[in-house]
């Protein structure tokens, strides 16, 4: 009897999740409809225009963050791939030597196969991770610097960032 009850539990959880999602979507649609004025509805055949400029600071900052992170993600991929490959190529033999020597049999003074294989895997994973991180930072930094400058300029032009205050040392 208990197995039959446990079988229905995931189905009930899925139905509850779908109900919560439908309620949330309906509430969001209703809130959006009530926030828009309905005195002059747009004709149905009107072509969609460009999105209006953001007037909400949260929306403007979110759009700026998405643009900057997207620029970094697009340009850092090649550096991540090259860095990961280089780290794995260097890390495997280095790990095999160090891991194999740590697992040596003291009386024989030789490398053990388990130590060599384990060291290779650990070395490749460790240096592959570090190499990928360094490679993505190197290749993504120019794009993120450019995107940050563009987004700062755009937020400043829209009035979401104030002009810098002159320092007292300049005498202005």
N, C-alpha and C. Protein backbone atom coordinates (compact mmCIF):
# COMPACT_ATOMS: atom_id res chain seq x y z
N UNK A 1 0.83 -1.19 0.00
CA UNK A 1 0.00 0.00 0.00
C UNK A 1 0.87 1.26 0.00
N UNK A 2 1.96 1.19 0.73
CA UNK A 2 2.83 2.36 0.83
C UNK A 2 3.50 2.67 -0.51
N UNK A 3 3.85 1.66 -1.29
CA UNK A 3 4.48 1.87 -2.59
C UNK A 3 3.54 2.58 -3.54
N UNK A 4 2.27 2.28 -3.50
CA UNK A 4 1.30 2.95 -4.36
C UNK A 4 1.17 4.42 -3.98
N UNK A 5 1.21 4.72 -2.70
CA UNK A 5 1.12 6.11 -2.24
C UNK A 5 2.35 6.89 -2.67
N UNK A 6 3.52 6.28 -2.58
CA UNK A 6 4.75 6.96 -2.96
C UNK A 6 4.80 7.23 -4.47
N UNK A 7 4.13 6.37 -5.27
CA UNK A 7 4.10 6.56 -6.71
C UNK A 7 3.30 7.80 -7.07
N UNK A 8 2.27 8.10 -6.33
CA UNK A 8 1.40 9.23 -6.63
C UNK A 8 1.97 10.55 -6.09
N UNK A 9 2.92 10.49 -5.20
CA UNK A 9 3.49 11.70 -4.63
C UNK A 9 4.19 12.56 -5.67
N UNK A 10 5.05 12.04 -6.56
CA UNK A 10 5.66 12.90 -7.59
C UNK A 10 4.62 13.48 -8.55
N UNK A 11 3.59 12.72 -8.86
CA UNK A 11 2.56 13.22 -9.75
C UNK A 11 1.81 14.38 -9.07
N UNK A 12 1.53 14.25 -7.80
CA UNK A 12 0.85 15.32 -7.07
C UNK A 12 1.74 16.56 -6.98
N UNK A 13 3.03 16.36 -6.79
CA UNK A 13 3.95 17.50 -6.73
C UNK A 13 4.01 18.20 -8.08
N UNK A 14 3.99 17.43 -9.18
CA UNK A 14 4.01 18.04 -10.51
C UNK A 14 2.74 18.83 -10.77
N UNK A 15 1.60 18.29 -10.37
CA UNK A 15 0.33 19.00 -10.55
C UNK A 15 0.32 20.28 -9.72
N UNK A 16 0.83 20.22 -8.50
CA UNK A 16 0.88 21.41 -7.65
C UNK A 16 1.82 22.46 -8.24
N UNK A 17 2.97 22.02 -8.79
CA UNK A 17 3.90 22.97 -9.39
C UNK A 17 3.28 23.64 -10.62
N UNK A 18 2.55 22.86 -11.43
CA UNK A 18 1.90 23.45 -12.60
C UNK A 18 0.81 24.43 -12.17
N UNK A 19 0.10 24.15 -11.10
CA UNK A 19 -0.94 25.06 -10.61
C UNK A 19 -0.32 26.36 -10.12
N UNK A 20 0.78 26.26 -9.41
CA UNK A 20 1.45 27.47 -8.93
C UNK A 20 1.96 28.29 -10.11
N UNK A 21 2.52 27.63 -11.12
CA UNK A 21 3.03 28.33 -12.29
C UNK A 21 1.90 29.02 -13.05
N UNK A 22 0.78 28.33 -13.22
CA UNK A 22 -0.36 28.93 -13.93
C UNK A 22 -0.91 30.12 -13.17
N UNK A 23 -0.99 30.01 -11.86
CA UNK A 23 -1.48 31.12 -11.04
C UNK A 23 -0.54 32.31 -11.13
N UNK A 24 0.76 32.05 -11.08
CA UNK A 24 1.74 33.13 -11.17
C UNK A 24 1.67 33.82 -12.52
N UNK A 25 1.57 33.04 -13.59
CA UNK A 25 1.47 33.64 -14.92
C UNK A 25 0.20 34.45 -15.07
N UNK A 26 -0.91 33.94 -14.56
CA UNK A 26 -2.17 34.66 -14.66
C UNK A 26 -2.12 35.95 -13.85
N UNK A 27 -1.52 35.91 -12.68
CA UNK A 27 -1.42 37.11 -11.86
C UNK A 27 -0.52 38.13 -12.51
N UNK A 28 0.58 37.68 -13.11
CA UNK A 28 1.48 38.60 -13.80
C UNK A 28 0.81 39.24 -15.00
N UNK A 29 0.04 38.47 -15.76
CA UNK A 29 -0.68 39.02 -16.91
C UNK A 29 -1.74 40.01 -16.47
N UNK A 30 -2.46 39.68 -15.40
CA UNK A 30 -3.48 40.59 -14.90
C UNK A 30 -2.87 41.88 -14.39
N UNK A 31 -1.74 41.79 -13.71
CA UNK A 31 -1.09 42.99 -13.20
C UNK A 31 -0.58 43.85 -14.36
N UNK A 32 -0.06 43.22 -15.40
CA UNK A 32 0.43 43.97 -16.56
C UNK A 32 -0.72 44.64 -17.30
N UNK A 33 -1.86 43.95 -17.40
CA UNK A 33 -3.01 44.54 -18.08
C UNK A 33 -3.59 45.69 -17.29
N UNK A 34 -3.61 45.59 -15.96
CA UNK A 34 -4.18 46.67 -15.16
C UNK A 34 -3.26 47.87 -15.12
N UNK A 35 -1.96 47.68 -15.34
CA UNK A 35 -1.02 48.79 -15.31
C UNK A 35 -1.02 49.59 -16.60
N UNK A 36 -1.49 49.01 -17.70
CA UNK A 36 -1.51 49.73 -18.96
C UNK A 36 -2.84 50.44 -19.13
N UNK A 37 -2.84 51.68 -19.62
CA UNK A 37 -4.10 52.38 -19.82
C UNK A 37 -4.88 51.77 -20.98
N UNK A 38 -6.18 51.63 -20.81
CA UNK A 38 -7.02 51.01 -21.81
C UNK A 38 -7.91 52.02 -22.54
N UNK A 39 -7.68 53.32 -22.38
CA UNK A 39 -8.52 54.31 -23.04
C UNK A 39 -8.33 54.25 -24.55
N UNK A 40 -7.14 54.18 -25.03
CA UNK A 40 -6.84 54.15 -26.45
C UNK A 40 -6.07 52.87 -26.79
N UNK A 41 -6.79 51.77 -26.95
CA UNK A 41 -6.06 50.55 -27.25
C UNK A 41 -5.43 50.63 -28.64
N UNK A 42 -4.26 50.02 -28.79
CA UNK A 42 -3.56 50.03 -30.07
C UNK A 42 -4.29 49.12 -31.05
N UNK A 43 -4.31 49.47 -32.33
CA UNK A 43 -4.95 48.59 -33.30
C UNK A 43 -4.21 47.26 -33.39
N UNK A 44 -4.95 46.21 -33.68
CA UNK A 44 -4.38 44.87 -33.69
C UNK A 44 -3.38 44.69 -34.83
N UNK A 45 -3.52 45.43 -35.92
CA UNK A 45 -2.66 45.26 -37.07
C UNK A 45 -1.39 46.10 -37.00
N UNK A 46 -1.20 46.86 -35.92
CA UNK A 46 -0.03 47.72 -35.82
C UNK A 46 1.23 46.88 -35.69
N UNK A 47 2.28 47.31 -36.39
CA UNK A 47 3.55 46.60 -36.33
C UNK A 47 4.24 46.90 -35.02
N UNK A 48 4.93 45.93 -34.43
CA UNK A 48 5.62 46.20 -33.18
C UNK A 48 6.76 47.19 -33.40
N UNK A 49 6.90 48.11 -32.48
CA UNK A 49 7.95 49.12 -32.60
C UNK A 49 9.12 48.73 -31.70
N UNK A 50 10.15 49.55 -31.73
CA UNK A 50 11.31 49.30 -30.89
C UNK A 50 10.90 49.42 -29.44
N UNK A 51 11.53 48.66 -28.55
CA UNK A 51 11.16 48.76 -27.15
C UNK A 51 11.48 50.15 -26.62
N UNK A 52 10.61 50.68 -25.77
CA UNK A 52 10.86 52.01 -25.24
C UNK A 52 12.07 52.01 -24.30
N UNK A 53 12.63 53.18 -24.13
CA UNK A 53 13.77 53.31 -23.23
C UNK A 53 13.33 52.97 -21.82
N UNK A 54 14.20 52.34 -21.09
CA UNK A 54 13.87 51.92 -19.74
C UNK A 54 13.72 53.14 -18.84
N UNK A 55 12.63 53.18 -18.11
CA UNK A 55 12.42 54.27 -17.16
C UNK A 55 12.58 53.77 -15.74
N UNK A 56 12.67 52.49 -15.57
CA UNK A 56 12.84 51.89 -14.26
C UNK A 56 14.33 51.63 -14.03
N UNK A 57 14.89 52.12 -12.95
CA UNK A 57 16.33 51.90 -12.72
C UNK A 57 16.69 50.42 -12.62
N UNK A 58 15.84 49.62 -12.02
CA UNK A 58 16.15 48.20 -11.88
C UNK A 58 16.24 47.56 -13.26
N UNK A 59 15.31 47.90 -14.15
CA UNK A 59 15.33 47.35 -15.50
C UNK A 59 16.57 47.82 -16.25
N UNK A 60 16.91 49.08 -16.11
CA UNK A 60 18.08 49.62 -16.80
C UNK A 60 19.36 48.96 -16.32
N UNK A 61 19.51 48.80 -15.01
CA UNK A 61 20.71 48.15 -14.47
C UNK A 61 20.75 46.68 -14.85
N UNK A 62 19.60 46.02 -14.85
CA UNK A 62 19.55 44.61 -15.25
C UNK A 62 19.95 44.44 -16.71
N UNK A 63 19.45 45.32 -17.58
CA UNK A 63 19.83 45.25 -18.98
C UNK A 63 21.32 45.50 -19.16
N UNK A 64 21.87 46.42 -18.41
CA UNK A 64 23.30 46.70 -18.49
C UNK A 64 24.11 45.49 -18.02
N UNK A 65 23.68 44.87 -16.93
CA UNK A 65 24.39 43.70 -16.42
C UNK A 65 24.33 42.54 -17.42
N UNK A 66 23.18 42.33 -18.04
CA UNK A 66 23.03 41.26 -19.03
C UNK A 66 23.93 41.53 -20.23
N UNK A 67 24.03 42.78 -20.65
CA UNK A 67 24.88 43.11 -21.79
C UNK A 67 26.36 42.86 -21.47
N UNK A 68 26.78 43.24 -20.28
CA UNK A 68 28.19 43.06 -19.89
C UNK A 68 28.51 41.57 -19.73
N UNK A 69 27.64 40.83 -19.05
CA UNK A 69 27.91 39.41 -18.86
C UNK A 69 27.83 38.65 -20.18
N UNK A 70 26.95 39.07 -21.08
CA UNK A 70 26.88 38.43 -22.40
C UNK A 70 28.14 38.67 -23.22
N UNK A 71 28.68 39.88 -23.13
CA UNK A 71 29.91 40.18 -23.86
C UNK A 71 31.06 39.32 -23.33
N UNK A 72 31.13 39.16 -22.02
CA UNK A 72 32.18 38.33 -21.44
C UNK A 72 32.00 36.87 -21.84
N UNK A 73 30.78 36.38 -21.79
CA UNK A 73 30.53 34.98 -22.12
C UNK A 73 30.87 34.68 -23.57
N UNK A 74 30.55 35.61 -24.47
CA UNK A 74 30.84 35.38 -25.89
C UNK A 74 32.33 35.34 -26.18
N UNK A 75 33.10 36.21 -25.57
CA UNK A 75 34.52 36.31 -25.91
C UNK A 75 35.43 35.46 -25.04
N UNK A 76 34.94 34.93 -23.94
CA UNK A 76 35.82 34.16 -23.06
C UNK A 76 35.84 32.68 -23.39
N UNK A 77 34.98 32.23 -24.27
CA UNK A 77 34.88 30.79 -24.54
C UNK A 77 36.16 30.23 -25.14
N UNK A 78 36.73 30.89 -26.13
CA UNK A 78 37.94 30.38 -26.77
C UNK A 78 39.09 30.29 -25.77
N UNK A 79 39.26 31.30 -24.94
CA UNK A 79 40.31 31.27 -23.93
C UNK A 79 40.09 30.17 -22.92
N UNK A 80 38.84 29.91 -22.57
CA UNK A 80 38.53 28.85 -21.62
C UNK A 80 38.89 27.49 -22.21
N UNK A 81 38.57 27.28 -23.49
CA UNK A 81 38.87 26.00 -24.13
C UNK A 81 40.38 25.79 -24.25
N UNK A 82 41.09 26.80 -24.70
CA UNK A 82 42.55 26.68 -24.85
C UNK A 82 43.22 26.50 -23.49
N UNK A 83 42.80 27.28 -22.51
CA UNK A 83 43.38 27.17 -21.17
C UNK A 83 43.11 25.83 -20.52
N UNK A 84 41.91 25.29 -20.72
CA UNK A 84 41.59 23.99 -20.15
C UNK A 84 42.43 22.90 -20.81
N UNK A 85 42.55 22.96 -22.13
CA UNK A 85 43.37 21.97 -22.83
C UNK A 85 44.82 22.02 -22.41
N UNK A 86 45.37 23.22 -22.33
CA UNK A 86 46.77 23.37 -21.93
C UNK A 86 46.97 22.90 -20.49
N UNK A 87 46.04 23.23 -19.62
CA UNK A 87 46.15 22.80 -18.23
C UNK A 87 46.08 21.29 -18.09
N UNK A 88 45.25 20.64 -18.90
CA UNK A 88 45.17 19.18 -18.85
C UNK A 88 46.43 18.53 -19.39
N UNK A 89 46.98 19.09 -20.48
CA UNK A 89 48.20 18.53 -21.07
C UNK A 89 49.37 18.66 -20.10
N UNK A 90 49.46 19.76 -19.39
CA UNK A 90 50.54 19.95 -18.43
C UNK A 90 50.25 19.22 -17.12
N UNK A 91 49.00 19.22 -16.71
CA UNK A 91 48.63 18.66 -15.41
C UNK A 91 48.72 17.16 -15.32
N UNK A 92 48.43 16.45 -16.41
CA UNK A 92 48.46 14.99 -16.35
C UNK A 92 49.86 14.45 -16.07
N UNK A 93 50.87 14.83 -16.85
CA UNK A 93 52.21 14.29 -16.52
C UNK A 93 52.73 14.78 -15.17
N UNK A 94 52.44 16.03 -14.85
CA UNK A 94 52.89 16.56 -13.57
C UNK A 94 52.22 15.82 -12.42
N UNK A 95 50.93 15.59 -12.56
CA UNK A 95 50.21 14.84 -11.53
C UNK A 95 50.64 13.39 -11.45
N UNK A 96 50.96 12.81 -12.60
CA UNK A 96 51.40 11.41 -12.61
C UNK A 96 52.73 11.27 -11.87
N UNK A 97 53.62 12.23 -12.10
CA UNK A 97 54.92 12.16 -11.41
C UNK A 97 54.77 12.41 -9.91
N UNK A 98 54.03 13.44 -9.55
CA UNK A 98 53.91 13.75 -8.13
C UNK A 98 53.00 12.76 -7.42
N UNK A 99 51.89 12.41 -8.03
CA UNK A 99 50.99 11.44 -7.40
C UNK A 99 51.60 10.07 -7.35
N UNK A 100 52.31 9.72 -8.41
CA UNK A 100 52.96 8.42 -8.43
C UNK A 100 54.08 8.33 -7.42
N UNK A 101 54.80 9.42 -7.23
CA UNK A 101 55.89 9.39 -6.27
C UNK A 101 55.36 9.44 -4.84
N UNK A 102 54.20 10.03 -4.62
CA UNK A 102 53.62 10.03 -3.29
C UNK A 102 53.10 8.65 -2.92
N UNK A 103 52.72 7.87 -3.92
CA UNK A 103 52.18 6.54 -3.65
C UNK A 103 53.22 5.45 -3.89
N UNK A 104 54.49 5.79 -3.84
CA UNK A 104 55.53 4.78 -4.08
C UNK A 104 55.59 3.79 -2.93
N UNK A 105 56.00 2.65 -3.29
CA UNK A 105 56.24 1.64 -2.27
C UNK A 105 57.64 1.93 -1.71
N UNK A 106 57.71 2.18 -0.45
CA UNK A 106 58.97 2.62 0.16
C UNK A 106 60.10 1.61 -0.02
N UNK A 107 59.75 0.36 0.04
CA UNK A 107 60.83 -0.64 -0.06
C UNK A 107 61.32 -0.81 -1.49
N UNK A 108 60.41 -0.60 -2.49
CA UNK A 108 60.80 -0.80 -3.87
C UNK A 108 61.32 0.48 -4.52
N UNK A 109 60.81 1.63 -4.11
CA UNK A 109 61.25 2.90 -4.67
C UNK A 109 60.77 3.13 -6.10
N UNK A 110 59.68 2.50 -6.49
CA UNK A 110 59.15 2.66 -7.85
C UNK A 110 57.78 3.32 -7.80
N UNK A 111 57.39 3.83 -8.94
CA UNK A 111 56.07 4.45 -9.04
C UNK A 111 55.01 3.35 -9.13
N UNK A 112 53.90 3.57 -8.47
CA UNK A 112 52.82 2.58 -8.54
C UNK A 112 51.85 2.96 -9.63
N UNK A 113 51.26 2.00 -10.33
CA UNK A 113 50.31 2.32 -11.39
C UNK A 113 49.09 3.09 -10.90
N UNK A 114 48.61 2.76 -9.72
CA UNK A 114 47.45 3.47 -9.18
C UNK A 114 47.81 4.93 -8.90
N UNK A 115 48.99 5.15 -8.37
CA UNK A 115 49.45 6.51 -8.11
C UNK A 115 49.62 7.30 -9.38
N UNK A 116 50.11 6.65 -10.44
CA UNK A 116 50.30 7.34 -11.72
C UNK A 116 48.96 7.73 -12.32
N UNK A 117 48.03 6.80 -12.39
CA UNK A 117 46.72 7.09 -12.99
C UNK A 117 45.94 8.10 -12.15
N UNK A 118 45.93 7.91 -10.85
CA UNK A 118 45.22 8.85 -9.98
C UNK A 118 45.83 10.25 -10.03
N UNK A 119 47.16 10.31 -10.03
CA UNK A 119 47.83 11.60 -10.11
C UNK A 119 47.57 12.29 -11.43
N UNK A 120 47.53 11.52 -12.52
CA UNK A 120 47.23 12.10 -13.84
C UNK A 120 45.83 12.69 -13.86
N UNK A 121 44.87 11.98 -13.33
CA UNK A 121 43.48 12.47 -13.31
C UNK A 121 43.36 13.72 -12.46
N UNK A 122 43.94 13.68 -11.28
CA UNK A 122 43.84 14.83 -10.38
C UNK A 122 44.61 16.03 -10.94
N UNK A 123 45.78 15.80 -11.49
CA UNK A 123 46.56 16.89 -12.06
C UNK A 123 45.88 17.52 -13.26
N UNK A 124 45.31 16.67 -14.14
CA UNK A 124 44.61 17.19 -15.32
C UNK A 124 43.38 17.99 -14.91
N UNK A 125 42.66 17.49 -13.92
CA UNK A 125 41.46 18.22 -13.48
C UNK A 125 41.82 19.53 -12.81
N UNK A 126 42.82 19.49 -11.94
CA UNK A 126 43.20 20.72 -11.22
C UNK A 126 43.77 21.79 -12.13
N UNK A 127 44.76 21.42 -12.92
CA UNK A 127 45.36 22.42 -13.80
C UNK A 127 44.46 22.76 -14.98
N UNK A 128 43.60 21.83 -15.38
CA UNK A 128 42.61 22.15 -16.43
C UNK A 128 41.64 23.22 -15.95
N UNK A 129 41.20 23.12 -14.70
CA UNK A 129 40.31 24.13 -14.13
C UNK A 129 41.00 25.48 -14.03
N UNK A 130 42.20 25.48 -13.49
CA UNK A 130 42.93 26.74 -13.34
C UNK A 130 43.25 27.35 -14.71
N UNK A 131 43.67 26.51 -15.66
CA UNK A 131 43.98 27.00 -17.00
C UNK A 131 42.76 27.57 -17.69
N UNK A 132 41.60 26.92 -17.54
CA UNK A 132 40.37 27.43 -18.14
C UNK A 132 39.95 28.75 -17.54
N UNK A 133 40.10 28.88 -16.24
CA UNK A 133 39.75 30.14 -15.57
C UNK A 133 40.66 31.27 -16.03
N UNK A 134 41.95 31.02 -16.05
CA UNK A 134 42.90 32.05 -16.48
C UNK A 134 42.70 32.40 -17.95
N UNK A 135 42.47 31.39 -18.77
CA UNK A 135 42.25 31.63 -20.20
C UNK A 135 41.00 32.44 -20.47
N UNK A 136 39.92 32.17 -19.73
CA UNK A 136 38.70 32.95 -19.94
C UNK A 136 38.85 34.38 -19.46
N UNK A 137 39.60 34.58 -18.40
CA UNK A 137 39.83 35.95 -17.92
C UNK A 137 40.67 36.73 -18.93
N UNK A 138 41.69 36.08 -19.47
CA UNK A 138 42.56 36.76 -20.44
C UNK A 138 41.80 37.12 -21.71
N UNK A 139 41.02 36.18 -22.25
CA UNK A 139 40.35 36.46 -23.52
C UNK A 139 39.06 37.26 -23.34
N UNK A 140 38.44 37.22 -22.17
CA UNK A 140 37.20 37.96 -21.97
C UNK A 140 37.36 39.36 -21.42
N UNK A 141 38.54 39.69 -20.90
CA UNK A 141 38.75 41.01 -20.28
C UNK A 141 38.59 42.18 -21.24
N UNK A 142 39.13 42.14 -22.47
CA UNK A 142 38.92 43.28 -23.36
C UNK A 142 37.44 43.51 -23.69
N UNK A 143 36.70 42.44 -23.89
CA UNK A 143 35.27 42.58 -24.21
C UNK A 143 34.49 43.13 -23.03
N UNK A 144 34.82 42.69 -21.83
CA UNK A 144 34.08 43.17 -20.66
C UNK A 144 34.42 44.63 -20.38
N UNK A 145 35.65 45.05 -20.64
CA UNK A 145 36.02 46.45 -20.44
C UNK A 145 35.26 47.35 -21.41
N UNK A 146 35.17 46.92 -22.66
CA UNK A 146 34.43 47.70 -23.66
C UNK A 146 32.95 47.76 -23.33
N UNK A 147 32.38 46.62 -22.96
CA UNK A 147 30.95 46.57 -22.65
C UNK A 147 30.62 47.40 -21.41
N UNK A 148 31.50 47.36 -20.42
CA UNK A 148 31.26 48.15 -19.21
C UNK A 148 31.27 49.65 -19.52
N UNK A 149 32.20 50.08 -20.36
CA UNK A 149 32.25 51.49 -20.74
C UNK A 149 31.00 51.90 -21.50
N UNK A 150 30.55 51.05 -22.43
CA UNK A 150 29.34 51.35 -23.20
C UNK A 150 28.12 51.43 -22.30
N UNK A 151 27.99 50.50 -21.38
CA UNK A 151 26.82 50.49 -20.50
C UNK A 151 26.86 51.66 -19.51
N UNK A 152 28.05 52.02 -19.04
CA UNK A 152 28.17 53.18 -18.16
C UNK A 152 27.73 54.44 -18.91
N UNK A 153 28.20 54.58 -20.14
CA UNK A 153 27.83 55.75 -20.94
C UNK A 153 26.32 55.78 -21.18
N UNK A 154 25.74 54.63 -21.48
CA UNK A 154 24.30 54.59 -21.73
C UNK A 154 23.50 54.91 -20.46
N UNK A 155 23.90 54.34 -19.33
CA UNK A 155 23.19 54.63 -18.07
C UNK A 155 23.36 56.10 -17.67
N UNK A 156 24.53 56.65 -17.94
CA UNK A 156 24.76 58.07 -17.64
C UNK A 156 23.89 58.95 -18.54
N UNK A 157 23.78 58.59 -19.83
CA UNK A 157 22.96 59.37 -20.76
C UNK A 157 21.48 59.30 -20.40
N UNK A 158 21.04 58.18 -19.86
CA UNK A 158 19.64 58.03 -19.47
C UNK A 158 19.36 58.64 -18.10
N UNK A 159 20.38 59.09 -17.40
CA UNK A 159 20.20 59.76 -16.12
C UNK A 159 20.20 58.83 -14.92
N UNK A 160 20.59 57.57 -15.11
CA UNK A 160 20.60 56.64 -13.98
C UNK A 160 21.91 56.69 -13.21
N UNK A 161 22.94 57.29 -13.79
CA UNK A 161 24.22 57.48 -13.12
C UNK A 161 24.54 58.97 -13.20
N UNK A 162 24.83 59.57 -12.06
CA UNK A 162 25.11 61.00 -12.03
C UNK A 162 26.53 61.27 -12.51
N UNK A 163 26.77 62.52 -12.88
CA UNK A 163 28.11 62.92 -13.31
C UNK A 163 29.06 62.84 -12.12
N UNK A 164 30.32 62.51 -12.37
CA UNK A 164 31.27 62.43 -11.26
C UNK A 164 31.46 63.79 -10.59
N UNK A 165 31.60 63.76 -9.30
CA UNK A 165 31.81 64.98 -8.54
C UNK A 165 33.29 65.35 -8.64
N UNK A 166 33.60 66.61 -8.99
CA UNK A 166 35.02 66.98 -9.05
C UNK A 166 35.67 66.92 -7.67
N UNK A 167 36.93 66.53 -7.66
CA UNK A 167 37.63 66.41 -6.38
C UNK A 167 38.05 67.79 -5.90
N UNK A 168 38.28 67.90 -4.62
CA UNK A 168 38.66 69.18 -4.03
C UNK A 168 40.10 69.54 -4.37
N UNK A 169 40.91 68.56 -4.74
CA UNK A 169 42.33 68.82 -5.01
C UNK A 169 42.52 69.59 -6.33
N UNK A 170 41.58 69.49 -7.25
CA UNK A 170 41.74 70.16 -8.53
C UNK A 170 41.39 71.65 -8.44
N UNK A 171 40.67 72.05 -7.42
CA UNK A 171 40.35 73.45 -7.23
C UNK A 171 39.17 73.93 -8.08
N UNK A 172 38.41 73.06 -8.61
CA UNK A 172 37.26 73.47 -9.43
C UNK A 172 36.05 73.72 -8.58
